[in-house]
Amino acid sequence: MIALLLAAALQTAAPAAPTGLGAIGQQHLPAKGCAAYLWNPADRQLVAMATADPATLRIAVGGKTIDLARSGGGAAAALGFAEATDYVGGDLHVRLAMTIVQQDGLTAGARVPQASLQVDRPGQDALVLPVAGLVGCRS
């Protein structure tokens, strides 16, 4: 069900608005564990994917898709994700804060009705992007 909802959201996507983050394209569910798929609510472009284990974040900055490693954050809560997690890679620092809502009828995943990505790069303005999405899990 998660895959169908994600596919439907991506098929109706409009061209990406200039946000500082680019679209990362279609992503696959990990072989094991959970992943959060996050899109820009304004245009439905998939802009981030966070995996619970290993704790990584995939985003596209400056036309290049990169994976960042978790550098800190709270203890794992819902489906292996903390409410706020920090990721770093090179000189890039990203903080992902998200609300995960599990509900009856949604198996092997949950909704992310509200979240934000804060992107900090030395010498540049910080970017805060509201996002929303879904979490999908595989055992």
Protein backbone atom coordinates (compact mmCIF):
# COMPACT_ATOMS: atom_id res chain seq x y z
CA MET A 1 0.00 0.00 0.00
CA ILE A 2 2.85 2.41 0.83
CA ALA A 3 4.42 1.78 -2.59
CA LEU A 4 1.12 2.52 -4.36
CA LEU A 5 0.61 5.80 -2.47
CA LEU A 6 4.18 6.86 -3.16
CA ALA A 7 3.92 5.98 -6.85
CA ALA A 8 0.64 7.90 -7.19
CA ALA A 9 2.12 10.97 -5.54
CA LEU A 10 5.18 10.93 -7.78
CA GLN A 11 3.19 10.39 -11.00
CA THR A 12 1.20 13.59 -10.42
CA ALA A 13 4.33 15.60 -9.74
CA ALA A 14 4.90 18.93 -11.40
CA PRO A 15 8.35 20.25 -12.31
CA ALA A 16 10.40 21.11 -9.24
CA ALA A 17 10.21 24.61 -7.85
CA PRO A 18 13.51 26.26 -7.03
CA THR A 19 14.06 25.19 -3.41
CA GLY A 20 17.80 24.65 -3.18
CA LEU A 21 17.10 20.93 -3.03
CA GLY A 22 16.52 18.97 -6.19
CA ALA A 23 14.40 15.90 -6.83
CA ILE A 24 16.12 12.59 -6.06
CA GLY A 25 13.97 10.49 -8.39
CA GLN A 26 12.41 7.14 -7.67
CA GLN A 27 13.88 5.30 -4.67
CA HIS A 28 13.52 1.67 -3.64
CA LEU A 29 12.49 0.28 -0.28
CA PRO A 30 15.51 -1.11 1.60
CA ALA A 31 15.90 -4.91 1.69
CA LYS A 32 15.28 -4.76 5.43
CA GLY A 33 14.12 -2.00 7.78
CA CYS A 34 12.33 1.29 7.22
CA ALA A 35 12.77 4.32 4.99
CA ALA A 36 11.04 7.70 5.06
CA TYR A 37 10.21 9.14 1.63
CA LEU A 38 9.78 12.91 1.84
CA TRP A 39 8.50 15.26 -0.82
CA ASN A 40 7.95 18.97 -1.19
CA PRO A 41 4.18 19.44 -0.64
CA ALA A 42 4.15 22.36 -3.09
CA ASP A 43 5.12 20.28 -6.12
CA ARG A 44 5.21 16.63 -4.92
CA GLN A 45 8.84 16.15 -5.97
CA LEU A 46 10.63 13.53 -3.87
CA VAL A 47 13.46 15.54 -2.26
CA ALA A 48 14.74 13.22 0.50
CA MET A 49 14.90 9.64 1.65
CA ALA A 50 16.01 8.74 5.17
CA THR A 51 16.78 5.16 6.19
CA ALA A 52 16.57 3.97 9.79
CA ASP A 53 19.42 1.44 9.64
CA PRO A 54 21.94 2.39 8.54
CA ALA A 55 20.90 5.91 9.50
CA THR A 56 21.44 7.88 6.29
CA LEU A 57 19.76 10.71 4.41
CA ARG A 58 19.74 11.02 0.61
CA ILE A 59 19.19 14.49 -0.89
CA ALA A 60 20.17 16.35 -4.06
CA VAL A 61 22.10 19.59 -3.69
CA GLY A 62 23.53 21.53 -6.62
CA GLY A 63 22.35 18.88 -9.08
CA LYS A 64 24.20 16.08 -7.30
CA THR A 65 22.51 13.33 -5.25
CA ILE A 66 24.42 12.60 -2.05
CA ASP A 67 24.09 10.34 0.97
CA LEU A 68 24.76 11.82 4.39
CA ALA A 69 25.52 9.85 7.56
CA ARG A 70 23.70 10.41 10.84
CA SER A 71 25.77 12.53 13.21
CA GLY A 72 23.35 12.92 16.10
CA GLY A 73 19.82 13.24 17.25
CA GLY A 74 17.42 11.81 19.75
CA ALA A 75 16.82 8.18 20.58
CA ALA A 76 14.98 6.15 17.98
CA ALA A 77 11.23 6.37 18.42
CA ALA A 78 8.68 5.38 15.77
CA LEU A 79 9.87 2.76 13.26
CA GLY A 80 13.53 3.41 14.07
CA PHE A 81 13.45 7.18 13.48
CA ALA A 82 13.98 9.94 16.03
CA GLU A 83 11.81 13.07 16.04
CA ALA A 84 14.90 15.07 15.01
CA THR A 85 18.11 13.73 13.48
CA ASP A 86 21.27 15.46 12.28
CA TYR A 87 23.20 14.30 9.21
CA VAL A 88 26.57 15.45 7.87
CA GLY A 89 28.67 14.96 4.77
CA GLY A 90 31.64 17.13 3.78
CA ASP A 91 30.71 20.69 4.70
CA LEU A 92 26.96 20.01 4.54
CA HIS A 93 24.85 19.72 7.70
CA VAL A 94 21.17 18.73 7.52
CA ARG A 95 18.63 18.42 10.32
CA LEU A 96 15.50 16.35 9.67
CA ALA A 97 12.60 16.84 12.07
CA MET A 98 9.50 14.78 11.43
CA THR A 99 6.25 13.62 12.97
CA ILE A 100 5.47 9.96 12.26
CA VAL A 101 1.85 8.86 12.59
CA GLN A 102 1.04 5.15 12.65
CA GLN A 103 -2.58 4.29 11.94
CA ASP A 104 -4.84 1.30 11.50
CA GLY A 105 -5.17 0.19 7.90
CA LEU A 106 -1.68 1.32 6.97
CA THR A 107 0.51 -1.76 7.18
CA ALA A 108 4.30 -1.87 7.05
CA GLY A 109 4.63 1.88 7.38
CA ALA A 110 3.24 5.18 8.55
CA ARG A 111 2.41 8.72 7.44
CA VAL A 112 4.64 11.75 7.87
CA PRO A 113 2.09 14.58 7.82
CA GLN A 114 4.65 17.23 8.70
CA ALA A 115 8.41 17.44 8.65
CA SER A 116 11.18 19.88 7.85
CA LEU A 117 14.67 19.76 6.40
CA GLN A 118 17.15 22.40 7.53
CA VAL A 119 20.20 22.56 5.27
CA ASP A 120 23.28 24.48 6.38
CA ARG A 121 26.30 25.12 4.15
CA PRO A 122 29.23 27.33 5.17
CA GLY A 123 29.16 30.73 3.50
CA GLN A 124 25.57 30.31 2.26
CA ASP A 125 22.14 31.03 3.64
CA ALA A 126 20.48 28.23 5.58
CA LEU A 127 17.53 26.59 3.86
CA VAL A 128 14.48 25.29 5.71
CA LEU A 129 12.08 23.27 3.58
CA PRO A 130 8.76 21.91 4.83
CA VAL A 131 8.22 18.35 3.63
CA ALA A 132 5.72 15.52 4.12
CA GLY A 133 5.70 11.88 3.16
CA LEU A 134 5.42 8.23 4.02
CA VAL A 135 7.47 5.63 5.84
CA GLY A 136 7.70 2.18 4.31
CA CYS A 137 9.12 -0.87 6.08
CA ARG A 138 10.22 -4.35 5.10
CA SER A 139 11.12 -7.12 7.54
